[in-house]
Protein backbone atom coordinates (compact mmCIF):
# COMPACT_ATOMS: atom_id res chain seq x y z
CA MET A 1 -39.98 10.23 152.49
CA THR A 2 -40.74 6.52 152.61
CA THR A 3 -39.13 4.48 155.04
CA LEU A 4 -37.06 2.40 152.17
CA HIS A 5 -35.69 6.13 151.12
CA ARG A 6 -34.83 6.75 154.84
CA ARG A 7 -33.09 3.55 155.34
CA GLY A 8 -31.16 4.00 152.02
CA LEU A 9 -30.06 7.64 153.22
CA VAL A 10 -29.00 6.14 156.58
CA VAL A 11 -26.89 3.49 154.78
CA VAL A 12 -25.22 6.36 152.43
CA MET A 13 -24.42 8.70 155.49
CA ALA A 14 -23.02 5.84 157.39
CA LYS A 15 -20.58 5.25 154.49
CA ILE A 16 -19.08 8.56 154.45
CA PRO A 17 -16.78 8.28 157.10
CA ALA A 18 -15.38 4.91 155.73
CA LEU A 19 -15.14 6.60 152.28
CA VAL A 20 -13.12 9.59 153.64
CA VAL A 21 -10.74 7.37 155.49
CA SER A 22 -10.38 5.07 152.38
CA SER A 23 -9.68 8.14 150.24
CA VAL A 24 -7.21 9.59 152.46
CA LEU A 25 -5.29 6.53 153.09
CA ALA A 26 -5.08 5.69 149.53
CA VAL A 27 -3.91 9.16 148.35
CA ALA A 28 -1.34 9.45 151.21
CA TYR A 29 -0.20 5.75 150.65
CA MET A 30 2.66 6.28 148.45
CA PRO A 31 4.05 9.59 149.70
CA ILE A 32 4.05 7.87 153.18
CA SER A 33 5.93 4.92 152.09
CA ILE A 34 8.56 6.92 150.13
CA ALA A 35 8.90 9.33 153.26
CA LEU A 36 9.32 6.35 155.50
CA PHE A 37 11.90 4.46 152.92
CA TRP A 38 13.85 7.92 153.22
CA TRP A 39 13.72 8.38 156.90
CA HIS A 40 14.81 4.75 157.57
CA ARG A 41 17.50 4.85 154.73
CA ASN A 42 20.37 3.55 156.86
CA CYS A 43 18.17 0.51 158.07
CA GLU A 44 17.36 -2.49 156.10
CA PRO A 45 15.13 -1.27 153.29
CA ILE A 46 12.76 -4.06 153.64
CA ARG A 47 11.86 -3.15 157.18
CA SER A 48 10.53 0.31 156.11
CA ARG A 49 7.35 -1.42 154.57
CA ARG A 50 4.81 -0.60 157.32
CA PRO A 51 2.27 -3.46 157.41
CA SER A 52 -0.17 -1.47 159.68
CA LEU A 53 -0.60 1.07 156.77
CA VAL A 54 -1.50 -1.51 154.32
CA VAL A 55 -4.04 -3.27 156.66
CA LEU A 56 -5.64 -0.02 157.30
CA CYS A 57 -6.09 0.59 153.74
CA SER A 58 -7.59 -3.00 153.30
CA VAL A 59 -10.00 -2.35 156.17
CA ALA A 60 -11.23 0.99 154.79
CA LEU A 61 -11.85 -0.55 151.22
CA PHE A 62 -13.35 -3.67 152.58
CA ILE A 63 -15.91 -1.69 154.48
CA ASN A 64 -16.81 0.08 151.45
CA ILE A 65 -17.34 -3.12 149.46
CA VAL A 66 -19.53 -4.48 152.30
CA MET A 67 -21.84 -1.40 152.46
CA ASP A 68 -21.68 -1.27 148.56
CA GLU A 69 -23.54 -4.63 148.86
CA ILE A 70 -26.18 -3.45 151.38
CA GLU A 71 -26.75 -0.22 149.60
CA GLU A 72 -27.51 -2.29 146.32
CA ALA A 73 -31.01 -3.16 148.16
CA PHE A 74 -32.04 0.50 148.22
CA SER A 75 -32.98 3.22 145.53
CA THR A 76 -30.43 5.99 145.40
CA PRO A 77 -29.47 8.74 143.10
CA LEU A 78 -27.21 7.74 140.17
CA ILE A 79 -24.86 10.54 141.06
CA VAL A 80 -24.38 9.01 144.78
CA ALA A 81 -24.41 5.52 143.31
CA TRP A 82 -21.56 6.40 141.00
CA LEU A 83 -19.62 8.08 143.68
CA VAL A 84 -19.94 5.25 146.07
CA PHE A 85 -19.49 2.48 143.66
CA TYR A 86 -16.93 3.68 141.25
CA ILE A 87 -14.52 5.34 143.61
CA VAL A 88 -13.71 2.04 145.54
CA MET A 89 -12.27 0.66 142.26
CA CYS A 90 -10.55 3.91 141.62
CA LEU A 91 -8.84 3.78 145.05
CA ALA A 92 -7.89 0.08 144.67
CA ILE A 93 -6.30 0.74 141.15
CA GLN A 94 -4.63 3.83 142.44
CA ILE A 95 -3.01 1.75 145.20
CA ILE A 96 -1.83 -0.73 142.77
CA ILE A 97 -0.37 1.95 140.51
CA ALA A 98 1.45 3.54 143.76
CA ARG A 99 2.77 0.06 144.52
CA LEU A 100 4.18 -0.33 140.93
CA PHE A 101 6.14 2.79 141.48
CA LEU A 102 7.35 1.77 144.88
CA LEU A 103 8.60 -1.55 143.25
CA ALA A 104 10.16 0.26 140.49
CA PHE A 105 12.08 2.38 142.78
CA MET A 106 13.27 -0.53 144.89
CA ASN A 107 14.33 -2.50 141.70
CA ARG A 108 16.39 0.43 140.48
CA LEU A 109 18.05 0.47 143.92
CA GLN A 110 18.76 -3.14 143.89
CA ARG A 111 20.13 -2.77 140.26
CA GLU A 112 22.60 -0.06 141.14
CA LEU A 113 23.87 -2.06 144.21
CA MET A 114 24.33 -5.18 141.59
CA GLY A 115 26.11 -2.84 138.89
CA GLY A 116 28.16 -0.85 141.23
CA THR A 117 26.89 2.42 139.66
CA SER A 118 26.45 4.23 143.06
CA SER A 119 28.94 4.43 145.78
CA THR A 120 26.78 4.58 149.10
CA PHE A 121 23.20 3.73 149.97
CA PHE A 122 22.90 7.25 151.11
CA GLN A 123 23.43 8.79 147.61
CA THR A 124 21.10 6.14 145.79
CA HIS A 125 18.37 7.21 148.25
CA ARG A 126 18.85 10.70 147.95
CA ARG A 127 19.01 10.44 143.98
CA TRP A 128 15.76 8.36 143.57
CA CYS A 129 13.65 9.33 146.76
CA THR A 130 11.61 11.81 144.80
CA THR A 131 7.61 11.95 144.70
CA ARG A 132 7.10 14.11 141.72
CA ALA A 133 6.66 11.19 139.13
CA ILE A 134 4.67 9.24 141.66
CA LEU A 135 2.19 11.73 142.36
CA THR A 136 1.86 12.75 138.69
CA GLY A 137 1.03 8.99 138.13
CA ILE A 138 -1.51 8.97 140.95
CA LEU A 139 -3.21 12.05 139.78
CA ALA A 140 -3.37 10.98 136.14
CA VAL A 141 -4.84 7.72 136.79
CA GLN A 142 -7.46 9.31 139.41
CA ALA A 143 -8.32 11.65 136.58
CA LEU A 144 -8.75 9.00 134.04
CA GLN A 145 -11.07 7.14 136.46
CA LEU A 146 -13.24 10.12 137.46
CA LEU A 147 -13.66 11.06 133.69
CA PRO A 148 -16.78 8.87 132.80
CA GLY A 149 -18.77 10.08 135.83
CA ALA A 150 -17.90 13.84 135.42
CA VAL A 151 -19.03 13.51 131.51
CA ILE A 152 -22.21 11.95 132.75
CA THR A 153 -22.82 14.56 135.70
CA ILE A 154 -22.16 17.52 133.08
CA SER A 155 -24.16 16.26 130.17
CA PHE A 156 -27.15 14.81 131.90
CA PRO A 157 -27.50 16.57 135.06
CA ARG A 158 -31.44 15.54 135.11
CA TYR A 159 -30.57 12.00 134.97
CA SER A 160 -27.54 12.05 137.14
CA PHE A 161 -29.70 13.22 140.18
CA GLY A 162 -32.65 10.85 139.42
CA PRO A 163 -33.35 7.50 141.20
CA ASP A 164 -32.66 5.07 138.17
CA MET A 165 -29.22 3.31 139.06
CA LYS A 166 -29.57 0.75 136.21
CA ALA A 167 -30.06 3.19 133.17
CA ARG A 168 -28.85 1.29 130.11
CA ASP A 169 -28.18 4.56 128.53
CA PHE A 170 -24.85 4.89 130.55
CA ALA A 171 -23.69 1.23 129.94
CA TRP A 172 -20.58 2.43 128.16
CA GLN A 173 -19.33 3.86 131.43
CA ASP A 174 -19.06 0.28 132.58
CA GLN A 175 -17.23 -0.90 129.61
CA PHE A 176 -15.01 2.05 129.89
CA MET A 177 -14.27 1.13 133.37
CA PHE A 178 -13.53 -2.58 132.79
CA LEU A 179 -11.34 -1.84 129.84
CA PHE A 180 -9.28 0.65 131.58
CA ASP A 181 -8.89 -1.46 134.88
CA THR A 182 -8.11 -4.50 132.83
CA ALA A 183 -5.41 -2.59 130.80
CA VAL A 184 -3.83 -1.27 133.96
CA ILE A 185 -3.80 -4.73 135.48
CA THR A 186 -2.23 -6.11 132.61
CA VAL A 187 0.60 -3.48 132.28
CA TYR A 188 1.13 -4.09 135.98
CA ALA A 189 1.74 -7.92 135.49
CA LEU A 190 3.98 -7.34 132.57
CA VAL A 191 6.07 -5.03 134.28
CA ILE A 192 6.68 -7.04 137.36
CA MET A 193 7.40 -10.10 135.16
CA ILE A 194 10.23 -7.86 133.71
CA MET A 195 11.32 -6.77 136.92
CA GLY A 196 11.71 -10.04 138.22
CA THR A 197 13.48 -11.45 135.18
CA MET A 198 16.11 -8.54 135.60
CA ILE A 199 16.95 -9.74 139.27
CA ARG A 200 16.52 -13.33 139.09
CA SER A 201 20.09 -13.92 139.76
CA VAL A 202 20.72 -11.55 142.45
CA LYS A 203 20.29 -12.22 146.25
CA ASP A 204 16.84 -10.99 147.12
CA LEU A 205 17.86 -8.10 149.60
CA PHE A 206 14.56 -6.38 149.34
CA GLY A 207 12.15 -9.20 149.19
CA ILE A 208 10.95 -8.14 145.54
CA VAL A 209 11.21 -11.96 144.08
CA ARG A 210 9.15 -13.06 146.90
CA GLU A 211 6.62 -10.28 146.21
CA PHE A 212 6.38 -11.12 142.55
CA LYS A 213 5.82 -14.64 143.28
CA CYS A 214 3.10 -13.92 145.71
CA ILE A 215 1.30 -11.51 143.13
CA ALA A 216 1.42 -14.10 140.51
CA VAL A 217 -0.11 -16.89 142.79
CA ILE A 218 -2.64 -14.38 143.84
CA GLY A 219 -3.49 -13.45 140.23
CA VAL A 220 -3.99 -16.73 139.02
CA LEU A 221 -6.23 -17.74 142.01
CA VAL A 222 -8.32 -14.61 141.43
CA ALA A 223 -8.73 -15.33 137.52
CA ILE A 224 -9.80 -18.74 138.08
CA SER A 225 -12.13 -17.74 141.04
CA ASN A 226 -13.74 -15.01 138.98
CA THR A 227 -14.33 -17.40 135.77
CA VAL A 228 -15.88 -19.98 138.12
CA LEU A 229 -18.17 -17.57 139.90
CA GLU A 230 -19.45 -16.02 136.63
CA LEU A 231 -20.14 -19.51 135.33
CA VAL A 232 -21.94 -20.69 138.52
CA PHE A 233 -23.75 -17.45 139.09
CA PRO A 234 -24.39 -15.85 135.79
CA VAL A 235 -25.44 -12.35 136.23
CA GLN A 236 -25.68 -9.32 134.20
CA GLY A 237 -25.45 -5.56 134.73
CA ILE A 238 -24.78 -4.03 138.00
CA GLU A 239 -24.82 -7.25 139.57
CA GLU A 240 -22.04 -8.58 137.49
CA LEU A 241 -19.96 -5.34 138.12
CA GLY A 242 -20.41 -5.62 141.75
CA LEU A 243 -19.31 -9.27 141.65
CA ASP A 244 -16.18 -8.28 139.77
CA LEU A 245 -15.60 -5.43 142.31
CA VAL A 246 -15.82 -7.66 145.33
CA VAL A 247 -13.45 -10.23 143.76
CA ASP A 248 -10.90 -7.77 142.39
CA ASN A 249 -10.81 -5.92 145.95
CA LEU A 250 -10.30 -8.94 147.63
CA ALA A 251 -7.43 -9.82 145.35
CA VAL A 252 -5.94 -6.34 146.06
CA HIS A 253 -6.14 -6.90 149.98
CA GLY A 254 -4.57 -10.37 149.66
CA VAL A 255 -1.68 -9.11 147.49
CA PHE A 256 -0.91 -6.20 149.96
CA ILE A 257 -1.35 -8.30 152.93
CA VAL A 258 1.01 -11.19 151.65
CA GLN A 259 3.45 -9.26 149.81
CA ILE A 260 4.28 -6.80 152.63
CA VAL A 261 3.81 -8.69 155.55
CA MET A 262 5.31 -12.13 154.55
CA PRO A 263 8.56 -10.72 153.29
CA LEU A 264 8.93 -8.54 156.49
CA ILE A 265 8.51 -11.56 158.47
CA ALA A 266 10.84 -13.46 156.23
CA SER A 267 13.62 -10.56 156.38
CA ARG A 268 13.69 -10.93 160.30
CA SER A 269 14.39 -14.66 160.24
CA ALA A 270 17.96 -16.03 160.97
CA ARG A 271 17.78 -18.25 157.71
CA TRP A 272 17.34 -15.11 155.59
CA ARG A 273 20.06 -13.21 157.28
CA SER A 274 22.62 -16.15 157.20
CA ALA A 275 22.07 -17.15 153.44
CA PRO A 276 24.98 -19.84 152.81
CA ASP A 277 25.84 -18.41 149.40
CA VAL A 278 26.38 -14.92 150.73
CA ASP A 279 28.08 -16.07 153.84
CA ALA A 280 30.69 -18.05 151.81
CA GLN A 281 31.15 -15.22 149.25
CA SER A 282 31.55 -12.60 152.06
CA SER A 283 34.31 -14.76 153.65
CA ASP A 284 35.93 -15.21 150.21
CA LEU A 285 36.16 -11.54 149.76
CA GLU A 286 37.42 -10.75 153.17
CA ARG A 287 40.14 -13.22 152.77
CA PHE A 288 40.99 -11.82 149.29
CA LEU A 289 41.42 -8.42 150.74
CA LEU A 290 44.05 -9.77 153.08
CA THR A 291 46.27 -10.79 150.19
CA VAL A 292 48.71 -8.17 148.97
CA ALA A 293 47.49 -8.25 145.38
CA GLY A 294 44.11 -8.37 146.16
CA ARG A 295 44.17 -5.62 148.41
CA GLU A 296 46.05 -3.23 146.22
CA SER A 297 43.82 -3.82 143.08
CA PHE A 298 40.55 -3.70 144.93
CA ARG A 299 41.98 -0.50 146.95
CA THR A 300 42.24 1.36 143.51
CA LEU A 301 38.70 0.63 142.74
CA LEU A 302 37.46 1.77 145.90
CA MET A 303 39.21 5.15 145.72
CA LYS A 304 37.71 5.55 142.24
CA SER A 305 34.61 4.98 143.53
CA PHE A 306 34.79 6.98 147.00
CA CYS A 307 34.39 4.07 149.21
CA LEU A 308 37.76 3.67 150.61
CA GLU A 309 36.18 4.00 154.15
CA SER A 310 34.94 0.57 153.77
CA LEU A 311 38.37 -0.96 153.42
CA LEU A 312 39.67 1.05 156.28
CA PHE A 313 36.83 0.04 158.43
CA LEU A 314 37.53 -3.61 157.85
CA ASP A 315 41.39 -3.11 158.86
CA ALA A 316 40.04 -1.27 161.89
CA VAL A 317 37.91 -3.98 162.98
CA ARG A 318 40.43 -6.58 162.42
CA GLU A 319 42.99 -4.60 164.54
CA PHE A 320 40.22 -4.38 167.31
CA ARG A 321 39.59 -8.01 167.36
CA MET A 322 43.58 -8.53 167.52
CA ASN A 323 43.63 -6.33 170.65
CA PRO A 324 39.80 -5.61 172.03
CA THR A 325 40.61 -2.58 174.36
CA GLU A 326 38.10 0.22 174.88
CA ASP A 327 40.45 2.62 173.14
CA ALA A 328 40.43 0.54 170.25
CA GLY A 329 36.77 0.21 170.18
CA ARG A 330 36.07 3.77 170.62
CA HIS A 331 38.28 4.48 167.83
CA VAL A 332 36.30 2.48 165.58
CA PHE A 333 33.14 3.60 166.66
CA ARG A 334 33.80 7.56 166.51
CA THR A 335 35.90 7.04 163.22
CA PHE A 336 33.37 4.73 161.25
CA ILE A 337 30.20 4.23 163.04
CA ILE A 338 28.46 7.18 164.78
CA GLU A 339 26.61 9.57 162.53
CA GLY A 340 28.54 12.61 161.27
CA SER A 341 31.94 10.75 161.63
CA PRO A 342 34.67 11.48 159.40
CA MET A 343 34.63 8.29 157.44
CA GLN A 344 31.05 6.92 158.26
CA VAL A 345 30.23 3.51 156.60
CA ASN A 346 26.63 2.56 155.42
CA ILE A 347 25.35 0.06 157.98
CA SER A 348 21.58 -0.43 159.27
CA GLY A 349 20.32 1.94 161.91
CA ASP A 350 19.72 -1.37 164.18
CA HIS A 351 23.46 -2.07 164.23
CA VAL A 352 24.38 1.46 165.01
CA ALA A 353 22.07 1.62 167.79
CA GLU A 354 23.11 -1.71 169.37
CA ILE A 355 26.77 -0.72 169.09
CA SER A 356 26.17 2.72 170.57
CA GLU A 357 24.24 1.05 173.55
CA VAL A 358 27.27 -1.07 174.41
CA PHE A 359 29.59 1.89 174.38
CA GLY A 360 27.19 3.74 176.64
CA GLU A 361 27.18 0.97 178.97
CA ALA A 362 30.97 0.49 178.78
CA GLY A 363 31.86 4.09 179.07
CA ALA A 364 29.80 6.84 180.88
CA GLY A 365 27.18 3.98 182.14
CA MET A 366 29.80 1.94 183.80
CA ASP A 367 30.16 1.96 187.58
CA THR A 368 33.94 2.21 187.63
CA SER A 369 34.06 1.51 191.48
CA LYS A 370 33.05 -2.11 190.81
CA VAL A 371 35.97 -2.66 188.24
CA SER A 372 39.79 -2.43 188.28
CA PRO A 373 41.15 0.41 186.44
CA MET A 374 43.17 -2.24 184.23
CA GLN A 375 39.46 -3.56 183.16
CA VAL A 376 38.20 0.00 182.29
CA ARG A 377 41.36 0.61 180.41
CA TYR A 378 41.10 -2.38 178.38
CA GLY A 379 37.53 -2.84 177.90
CA ALA A 380 36.72 -6.29 179.86
CA MET A 381 33.17 -5.33 179.26
CA LEU A 382 33.34 -5.05 175.49
CA PRO A 383 32.72 -8.51 173.38
CA VAL A 384 35.30 -9.19 171.02
CA ASN A 385 32.68 -9.56 168.23
CA LEU A 386 31.07 -6.24 168.88
CA PHE A 387 31.39 -5.05 165.06
CA ASP A 388 31.02 -8.35 163.32
CA SER A 389 27.46 -7.74 162.19
CA ALA A 390 28.29 -4.24 161.03
CA LYS A 391 31.41 -5.70 159.13
CA LEU A 392 29.47 -8.42 157.51
CA GLU A 393 27.06 -5.82 156.25
CA VAL A 394 30.07 -3.69 154.66
CA VAL A 395 31.30 -6.82 153.04
CA GLN A 396 27.84 -7.88 151.52
CA VAL A 397 27.54 -4.07 150.08
CA MET A 398 30.95 -4.45 148.61
CA LEU A 399 30.30 -7.89 147.31
CA THR A 400 26.94 -6.66 145.74
CA ALA A 401 28.04 -3.23 144.40
CA LEU A 402 31.49 -3.39 143.91
CA LEU A 403 32.74 -6.79 143.04
CA PRO A 404 30.80 -6.97 139.83
CA GLN A 405 32.41 -3.73 138.66
CA TYR A 406 35.87 -5.15 139.75
CA ILE A 407 35.89 -8.08 137.74
CA ILE A 408 35.09 -6.24 134.59
CA ASP A 409 38.84 -5.71 134.35
CA PRO A 410 40.20 -9.00 132.83
CA VAL A 411 43.38 -8.66 134.96
CA ASN A 412 41.25 -8.32 138.06
CA ALA A 413 38.97 -11.09 137.01
CA ASP A 414 42.06 -13.44 136.58
CA LEU A 415 43.38 -12.38 140.07
CA TRP A 416 40.13 -13.29 141.75
CA ARG A 417 39.59 -16.45 139.74
CA ASP A 418 43.02 -17.50 140.78
CA PHE A 419 42.20 -16.94 144.47
CA GLN A 420 39.32 -18.83 144.39
CA GLU A 421 40.81 -21.68 142.94
CA ARG A 422 43.56 -21.84 145.26
CA ASN A 423 40.98 -21.27 148.07
CA ARG A 424 39.05 -24.23 147.22
CA GLU A 425 42.36 -26.31 146.83
CA ARG A 426 43.30 -25.30 150.24
CA ASP A 427 39.75 -26.15 151.59
CA LEU A 428 40.20 -29.54 150.01
CA PHE A 429 43.39 -30.41 151.81
CA LEU A 430 42.86 -28.61 155.21
CA GLY A 431 39.09 -28.44 155.55
CA PRO A 432 37.04 -25.18 155.25
CA THR A 433 37.87 -22.52 157.28
CA PRO A 434 35.00 -20.67 159.34
CA ALA A 435 33.54 -17.28 158.10
CA SER A 436 35.97 -14.68 159.23
CA THR A 437 32.79 -13.08 160.79
CA ASN A 438 32.76 -16.07 163.25
CA GLN A 439 36.24 -16.32 163.95
CA LYS A 440 37.30 -14.97 167.39
CA GLN A 441 41.18 -14.27 166.84
CA GLN A 442 43.03 -14.11 170.32
CA PRO A 443 44.99 -11.12 171.39
CA GLY A 444 48.58 -11.22 170.32
CA THR A 445 47.79 -12.65 166.58
CA THR A 446 49.48 -10.45 164.18
CA ALA A 447 48.04 -9.14 160.98
CA HIS A 448 50.99 -10.88 158.99
CA HIS A 449 49.79 -14.20 160.23
CA SER A 450 46.37 -13.58 158.92
CA VAL A 451 47.63 -12.64 155.59
CA VAL A 452 49.75 -15.82 155.37
CA HIS A 453 46.72 -17.87 156.64
CA ALA A 454 44.58 -16.53 153.97
CA VAL A 455 47.02 -17.29 151.00
CA GLU A 456 48.21 -20.54 152.03
């Protein structure tokens, strides 16, 4: 064996670990994403995106690309070249298909929340968290990608294990792969455009709109870059396919890193959490529920949608703010917050953990020898705004999932419109009131006063 062939064999053997890692990550990417989505179903959905998994996939694929370029300098059997060369693109396209399924799932979830067709986050996740369609799509794409190489290997075994990598007899394989990948990417672009149009008027709860924008920008840049490279460096055959492979895979890596890491960072920012339009509408809805007519009409819808616990939770939180004792706080915690409670509301796991930690410190973890019995009895260690974040989350779900369904009824729509007009007139004369989540009512304030204040 010549030195050139030995060096080529060393390079091929060095590629095997990277190829195995890349294959495992690509195949497991979608099931892992769905499993994490289900595991964190009570948390903010956007936080279930794991950037570390995306980075690992990108690194593994990038190692394959670099070693592909190194291996081009050596003469290797056609079957080895095909396995190394085409599987990289297969896995990249496979991950794109998997990501498309996840986007479709998240879009369906957001549409259900917007239209009020599901009563709780839990029921929505239980209904749509299935991997059957996802795995079927992945396997179908993988089978189509592997078909050309399998046909060549079975039909022409002598040529497949020969050293000629640039045999023109098999040029149709390159054309098939190019046309198939182009069709997949085109369908992907059309689908995300349609999905983006469908949710353009809704708050970007899951970061989908940001993701669409990133994909569109990267896609345009890749198309321009690829065209320029082909004009400046005119190549043909295997070199041209290699250039396309590098550009396309770099685009895939850029899409994944930007569309997942950046929305994740944005979702943790205070600006995203306190969007003015959501705060204003949430405040309006809370005050609307304090009116007699608004409360009764909305209560009827909540009972039909099996979401009455949301309204009862708002009542309990309001009572706690008026008299923030430890007993009142524990009543709210054990009735609505803790897992398995009789009327558990759908709030993020982070809020549940924060509230549980506070009650742990104010309950069994408190050194009662350092405080008076009166302080322990009336919860001097409990903040009055303890449940405000959880309440805001419940109100936002009601605003997104139930209010559109509520105003379908013309009577309810007129009632809601009249309330908003009176509310605007009141703000013009008396000035806007702070969002109810930021108000700190003093002990002794009555619920009757709150109702009168809301309908002035």
